C-alpha atoms as a PDB file:
ATOM      1  CA  MET A   1     199.746  46.963 224.329  1.00  0.00           C
ATOM      2  CA  SER A   2     200.114  48.587 227.661  1.00  0.00           C
ATOM      3  CA  GLY A   3     198.583  47.148 230.806  1.00  0.00           C
ATOM      4  CA  CYS A   4     196.470  50.265 231.295  1.00  0.00           C
ATOM      5  CA  GLU A   5     192.975  50.208 229.934  1.00  0.00           C
ATOM      6  CA  GLN A   6     191.682  53.602 228.915  1.00  0.00           C
ATOM      7  CA  LYS A   7     188.058  54.282 229.801  1.00  0.00           C
ATOM      8  CA  THR A   8     185.813  55.499 227.038  1.00  0.00           C
ATOM      9  CA  ALA A   9     184.413  58.985 227.335  1.00  0.00           C
ATOM     10  CA  TRP A  10     181.102  59.536 229.052  1.00  0.00           C
ATOM     11  CA  ARG A  11     178.120  59.788 226.727  1.00  0.00           C
ATOM     12  CA  LEU A  12     176.446  62.510 228.809  1.00  0.00           C
ATOM     13  CA  THR A  13     178.089  65.811 229.759  1.00  0.00           C
ATOM     14  CA  ASP A  14     180.938  65.234 232.205  1.00  0.00           C
ATOM     15  CA  VAL A  15     180.837  67.773 235.056  1.00  0.00           C
ATOM     16  CA  SER A  16     183.417  66.064 237.283  1.00  0.00           C
ATOM     17  CA  GLY A  17     185.244  68.690 239.343  1.00  0.00           C
ATOM     18  CA  LYS A  18     183.036  71.503 238.001  1.00  0.00           C
ATOM     19  CA  LEU A  19     180.148  71.326 240.466  1.00  0.00           C
ATOM     20  CA  PRO A  20     180.105  70.842 244.240  1.00  0.00           C
ATOM     21  CA  GLN A  21     179.160  67.644 246.043  1.00  0.00           C
ATOM     22  CA  LEU A  22     175.544  66.746 246.691  1.00  0.00           C
ATOM     23  CA  ASP A  23     174.538  68.919 249.624  1.00  0.00           C
ATOM     24  CA  PHE A  24     171.206  70.414 250.620  1.00  0.00           C
ATOM     25  CA  ASN A  25     168.734  70.764 253.480  1.00  0.00           C
ATOM     26  CA  LEU A  26     165.234  69.990 252.194  1.00  0.00           C
ATOM     27  CA  THR A  27     162.073  68.377 253.540  1.00  0.00           C
ATOM     28  CA  ASP A  28     160.701  65.080 252.210  1.00  0.00           C
ATOM     29  CA  THR A  29     157.011  64.244 251.818  1.00  0.00           C
ATOM     30  CA  GLN A  30     156.931  62.772 255.351  1.00  0.00           C
ATOM     31  CA  GLY A  31     158.076  66.087 256.853  1.00  0.00           C
ATOM     32  CA  ARG A  32     161.618  64.873 257.620  1.00  0.00           C
ATOM     33  CA  MET A  33     164.619  67.094 257.003  1.00  0.00           C
ATOM     34  CA  ARG A  34     166.853  65.421 254.406  1.00  0.00           C
ATOM     35  CA  HIS A  35     170.455  66.223 253.527  1.00  0.00           C
ATOM     36  CA  GLY A  36     172.650  65.378 250.572  1.00  0.00           C
ATOM     37  CA  ALA A  37     174.725  63.051 252.737  1.00  0.00           C
ATOM     38  CA  ASP A  38     171.612  60.907 253.346  1.00  0.00           C
ATOM     39  CA  PHE A  39     171.968  59.572 249.811  1.00  0.00           C
ATOM     40  CA  ARG A  40     175.649  58.619 249.864  1.00  0.00           C
ATOM     41  CA  GLY A  41     176.142  55.040 248.764  1.00  0.00           C
ATOM     42  CA  LYS A  42     173.764  55.381 245.816  1.00  0.00           C
ATOM     43  CA  VAL A  43     174.102  56.970 242.412  1.00  0.00           C
ATOM     44  CA  THR A  44     171.785  59.952 242.851  1.00  0.00           C
ATOM     45  CA  LEU A  45     169.926  61.905 240.190  1.00  0.00           C
ATOM     46  CA  LEU A  46     168.707  65.401 241.070  1.00  0.00           C
ATOM     47  CA  PHE A  47     165.934  67.042 239.055  1.00  0.00           C
ATOM     48  CA  THR A  48     164.027  70.239 239.884  1.00  0.00           C
ATOM     49  CA  GLY A  49     160.506  71.028 238.744  1.00  0.00           C
ATOM     50  CA  PHE A  50     156.915  71.061 239.968  1.00  0.00           C
ATOM     51  CA  THR A  51     153.899  68.755 239.887  1.00  0.00           C
ATOM     52  CA  HIS A  52     151.716  71.089 237.810  1.00  0.00           C
ATOM     53  CA  CYS A  53     154.318  71.138 235.042  1.00  0.00           C
ATOM     54  CA  PRO A  54     152.568  70.416 231.745  1.00  0.00           C
ATOM     55  CA  GLY A  55     155.453  68.808 229.878  1.00  0.00           C
ATOM     56  CA  VAL A  56     159.093  68.862 230.955  1.00  0.00           C
ATOM     57  CA  CYS A  57     158.668  67.234 234.382  1.00  0.00           C
ATOM     58  CA  PRO A  58     156.394  64.320 233.514  1.00  0.00           C
ATOM     59  CA  ALA A  59     158.363  63.599 230.328  1.00  0.00           C
ATOM     60  CA  THR A  60     161.718  63.699 232.133  1.00  0.00           C
ATOM     61  CA  LEU A  61     160.569  61.586 235.089  1.00  0.00           C
ATOM     62  CA  ALA A  62     158.881  59.040 232.816  1.00  0.00           C
ATOM     63  CA  ARG A  63     162.054  58.777 230.706  1.00  0.00           C
ATOM     64  CA  LEU A  64     164.139  58.262 233.850  1.00  0.00           C
ATOM     65  CA  ALA A  65     161.735  55.577 235.092  1.00  0.00           C
ATOM     66  CA  THR A  66     161.902  53.748 231.757  1.00  0.00           C
ATOM     67  CA  VAL A  67     165.703  53.787 231.782  1.00  0.00           C
ATOM     68  CA  LEU A  68     165.890  52.686 235.425  1.00  0.00           C
ATOM     69  CA  GLU A  69     163.565  49.747 234.754  1.00  0.00           C
ATOM     70  CA  GLU A  70     166.158  48.486 232.265  1.00  0.00           C
ATOM     71  CA  ILE A  71     169.111  48.643 234.674  1.00  0.00           C
ATOM     72  CA  GLU A  72     169.671  45.520 236.734  1.00  0.00           C
ATOM     73  CA  GLY A  73     169.849  46.303 240.444  1.00  0.00           C
ATOM     74  CA  SER A  74     168.779  49.908 239.970  1.00  0.00           C
ATOM     75  CA  ARG A  75     166.423  49.845 242.969  1.00  0.00           C
ATOM     76  CA  GLU A  76     169.340  49.126 245.293  1.00  0.00           C
ATOM     77  CA  HIS A  77     171.900  51.384 243.632  1.00  0.00           C
ATOM     78  CA  ILE A  78     170.124  54.425 242.166  1.00  0.00           C
ATOM     79  CA  GLN A  79     167.997  57.163 243.765  1.00  0.00           C
ATOM     80  CA  VAL A  80     166.119  59.973 242.001  1.00  0.00           C
ATOM     81  CA  LEU A  81     165.411  63.170 243.931  1.00  0.00           C
ATOM     82  CA  PHE A  82     162.627  65.313 242.506  1.00  0.00           C
ATOM     83  CA  VAL A  83     162.816  68.752 244.119  1.00  0.00           C
ATOM     84  CA  SER A  84     159.628  70.774 243.824  1.00  0.00           C
ATOM     85  CA  LEU A  85     160.220  74.450 243.173  1.00  0.00           C
ATOM     86  CA  ASP A  86     156.544  75.138 243.946  1.00  0.00           C
ATOM     87  CA  PRO A  87     156.000  74.443 247.667  1.00  0.00           C
ATOM     88  CA  GLU A  88     152.815  76.557 247.708  1.00  0.00           C
ATOM     89  CA  ARG A  89     150.934  74.054 245.517  1.00  0.00           C
ATOM     90  CA  ASP A  90     153.095  70.952 246.013  1.00  0.00           C
ATOM     91  CA  ARG A  91     152.034  70.067 249.522  1.00  0.00           C
ATOM     92  CA  PRO A  92     153.557  66.826 250.859  1.00  0.00           C
ATOM     93  CA  GLU A  93     150.623  64.610 249.892  1.00  0.00           C
ATOM     94  CA  VAL A  94     150.497  66.080 246.359  1.00  0.00           C
ATOM     95  CA  LEU A  95     154.236  65.641 245.898  1.00  0.00           C
ATOM     96  CA  GLN A  96     154.162  62.075 247.270  1.00  0.00           C
ATOM     97  CA  SER A  97     151.313  61.054 244.983  1.00  0.00           C
ATOM     98  CA  TYR A  98     153.140  62.579 242.009  1.00  0.00           C
ATOM     99  CA  VAL A  99     156.505  60.850 242.525  1.00  0.00           C
ATOM    100  CA  GLU A 100     154.867  57.491 243.327  1.00  0.00           C
ATOM    101  CA  ARG A 101     153.530  57.387 239.760  1.00  0.00           C
ATOM    102  CA  PHE A 102     157.041  57.075 238.404  1.00  0.00           C
ATOM    103  CA  GLY A 103     158.332  54.238 240.551  1.00  0.00           C
ATOM    104  CA  PRO A 104     160.263  53.247 243.650  1.00  0.00           C
ATOM    105  CA  TRP A 105     163.396  55.215 242.728  1.00  0.00           C
ATOM    106  CA  PHE A 106     161.756  58.612 243.277  1.00  0.00           C
ATOM    107  CA  ILE A 107     161.701  60.738 246.417  1.00  0.00           C
ATOM    108  CA  GLY A 108     159.953  64.105 246.518  1.00  0.00           C
ATOM    109  CA  LEU A 109     161.665  66.972 248.319  1.00  0.00           C
ATOM    110  CA  THR A 110     160.947  70.663 248.753  1.00  0.00           C
ATOM    111  CA  GLY A 111     161.684  73.565 251.042  1.00  0.00           C
ATOM    112  CA  GLY A 112     161.211  77.234 251.632  1.00  0.00           C
ATOM    113  CA  LYS A 113     162.314  79.882 249.155  1.00  0.00           C
ATOM    114  CA  ALA A 114     165.717  80.326 250.818  1.00  0.00           C
ATOM    115  CA  GLN A 115     166.421  76.575 250.735  1.00  0.00           C
ATOM    116  CA  LEU A 116     165.336  76.239 247.104  1.00  0.00           C
ATOM    117  CA  ASP A 117     167.306  79.318 246.068  1.00  0.00           C
ATOM    118  CA  ALA A 118     170.399  77.912 247.790  1.00  0.00           C
ATOM    119  CA  LEU A 119     170.031  74.621 245.908  1.00  0.00           C
ATOM    120  CA  VAL A 120     169.600  76.164 242.466  1.00  0.00           C
ATOM    121  CA  GLN A 121     172.455  78.615 243.064  1.00  0.00           C
ATOM    122  CA  ARG A 122     174.754  75.822 244.260  1.00  0.00           C
ATOM    123  CA  TYR A 123     174.267  73.878 241.023  1.00  0.00           C
ATOM    124  CA  PHE A 124     173.873  76.832 238.623  1.00  0.00           C
ATOM    125  CA  LEU A 125     170.252  76.009 237.886  1.00  0.00           C
ATOM    126  CA  SER A 126     167.448  78.540 237.664  1.00  0.00           C
ATOM    127  CA  TYR A 127     163.726  78.929 238.121  1.00  0.00           C
ATOM    128  CA  ARG A 128     161.157  81.661 238.297  1.00  0.00           C
ATOM    129  CA  LYS A 129     157.490  81.964 238.992  1.00  0.00           C
ATOM    130  CA  GLU A 130     155.612  83.433 236.046  1.00  0.00           C
ATOM    131  CA  SER A 131     152.100  84.727 236.679  1.00  0.00           C
ATOM    132  CA  SER A 132     149.309  84.092 234.235  1.00  0.00           C
ATOM    133  CA  LYS A 133     147.110  86.958 233.142  1.00  0.00           C
ATOM    134  CA  MET A 134     143.987  84.964 234.010  1.00  0.00           C
ATOM    135  CA  GLY A 135     142.762  83.834 237.415  1.00  0.00           C
ATOM    136  CA  GLY A 136     145.985  84.407 239.359  1.00  0.00           C
ATOM    137  CA  ASP A 137     147.399  81.061 238.236  1.00  0.00           C
ATOM    138  CA  TYR A 138     151.104  80.792 237.599  1.00  0.00           C
ATOM    139  CA  ASP A 139     153.725  78.619 235.993  1.00  0.00           C
ATOM    140  CA  VAL A 140     157.217  77.796 237.237  1.00  0.00           C
ATOM    141  CA  ILE A 141     159.833  78.177 234.541  1.00  0.00           C
ATOM    142  CA  HIS A 142     162.758  75.775 235.079  1.00  0.00           C
ATOM    143  CA  SER A 143     165.361  73.753 233.198  1.00  0.00           C
ATOM    144  CA  ASP A 144     165.284  70.151 232.049  1.00  0.00           C
ATOM    145  CA  ILE A 145     168.713  69.409 233.550  1.00  0.00           C
ATOM    146  CA  VAL A 146     169.224  66.222 235.560  1.00  0.00           C
ATOM    147  CA  LEU A 147     172.394  66.256 237.659  1.00  0.00           C
ATOM    148  CA  ILE A 148     173.939  62.868 238.385  1.00  0.00           C
ATOM    149  CA  PHE A 149     176.104  62.243 241.447  1.00  0.00           C
ATOM    150  CA  ASP A 150     178.256  59.199 242.156  1.00  0.00           C
ATOM    151  CA  ARG A 151     178.012  57.101 245.328  1.00  0.00           C
ATOM    152  CA  ARG A 152     180.387  59.456 247.164  1.00  0.00           C
ATOM    153  CA  GLY A 153     178.168  62.449 246.369  1.00  0.00           C
ATOM    154  CA  ASN A 154     180.459  63.890 243.693  1.00  0.00           C
ATOM    155  CA  ALA A 155     178.791  65.629 240.753  1.00  0.00           C
ATOM    156  CA  ARG A 156     179.704  63.567 237.705  1.00  0.00           C
ATOM    157  CA  LEU A 157     177.260  63.997 234.849  1.00  0.00           C
ATOM    158  CA  LEU A 158     174.601  66.277 233.447  1.00  0.00           C
ATOM    159  CA  ALA A 159     171.715  65.007 231.326  1.00  0.00           C
ATOM    160  CA  ARG A 160     169.206  67.120 229.399  1.00  0.00           C
ATOM    161  CA  GLY A 161     165.821  66.463 227.902  1.00  0.00           C
ATOM    162  CA  SER A 162     167.562  65.871 224.595  1.00  0.00           C
ATOM    163  CA  SER A 163     169.875  63.199 226.070  1.00  0.00           C
ATOM    164  CA  LEU A 164     169.305  59.817 224.490  1.00  0.00           C
ATOM    165  CA  PRO A 165     167.910  57.115 226.815  1.00  0.00           C
ATOM    166  CA  ALA A 166     170.635  54.711 225.632  1.00  0.00           C
ATOM    167  CA  ASP A 167     173.314  57.210 226.673  1.00  0.00           C
ATOM    168  CA  LEU A 168     171.684  57.762 230.045  1.00  0.00           C
ATOM    169  CA  ARG A 169     171.443  54.029 230.637  1.00  0.00           C
ATOM    170  CA  ALA A 170     175.054  53.345 229.617  1.00  0.00           C
ATOM    171  CA  ASP A 171     176.443  56.067 231.868  1.00  0.00           C
ATOM    172  CA  LEU A 172     174.261  55.119 234.841  1.00  0.00           C
ATOM    173  CA  GLU A 173     175.325  51.477 234.507  1.00  0.00           C
ATOM    174  CA  ARG A 174     178.942  52.595 234.410  1.00  0.00           C
ATOM    175  CA  LEU A 175     178.530  54.720 237.558  1.00  0.00           C
ATOM    176  CA  VAL A 176     176.828  51.847 239.385  1.00  0.00           C
ATOM    177  CA  GLU A 177     179.693  49.505 238.428  1.00  0.00           C
ATOM    178  CA  GLU A 178     182.381  51.994 239.535  1.00  0.00           C
ATOM    179  CA  ALA A 179     181.986  51.260 243.215  1.00  0.00           C
ATOM    180  CA  THR A 180     180.653  47.719 243.261  1.00  0.00           C
END
């Protein structure tokens, strides 16, 4: 046997070297400007959505919270950034109340249209506002992709709504162990 140990493949989709580092200029629920570099030192999960989302957002955030509860030391080593794509309805207090429901790992962020467009373009995500025919209400169509960055801010993994919780947990544990 050789002295080199080969790492097993990631369970989630490996995006290493295919996406840029974590970088953005968005506002948190306290009105402070936040940047991607603010989260260096932690494994960071980035998910875009909106608080009025009927299914994808609450299901994804609840699944993330469940997985994070199972990971020892996750509060110190993992951060989840929920970026609202609906700043008109997701005022700071609404966004804060929403992310608090899921646990201490979650920070709500948002911005103006130009800032949000820059973020989704940077990471090849998409969203669009879709008006309802009744009452002027609207929906925000978006993906269920969760991007996962290592402690240095490098894009490493991509999870989807169909990703198994056990796979998400295994890969997050592995990323946490990489730099400890």
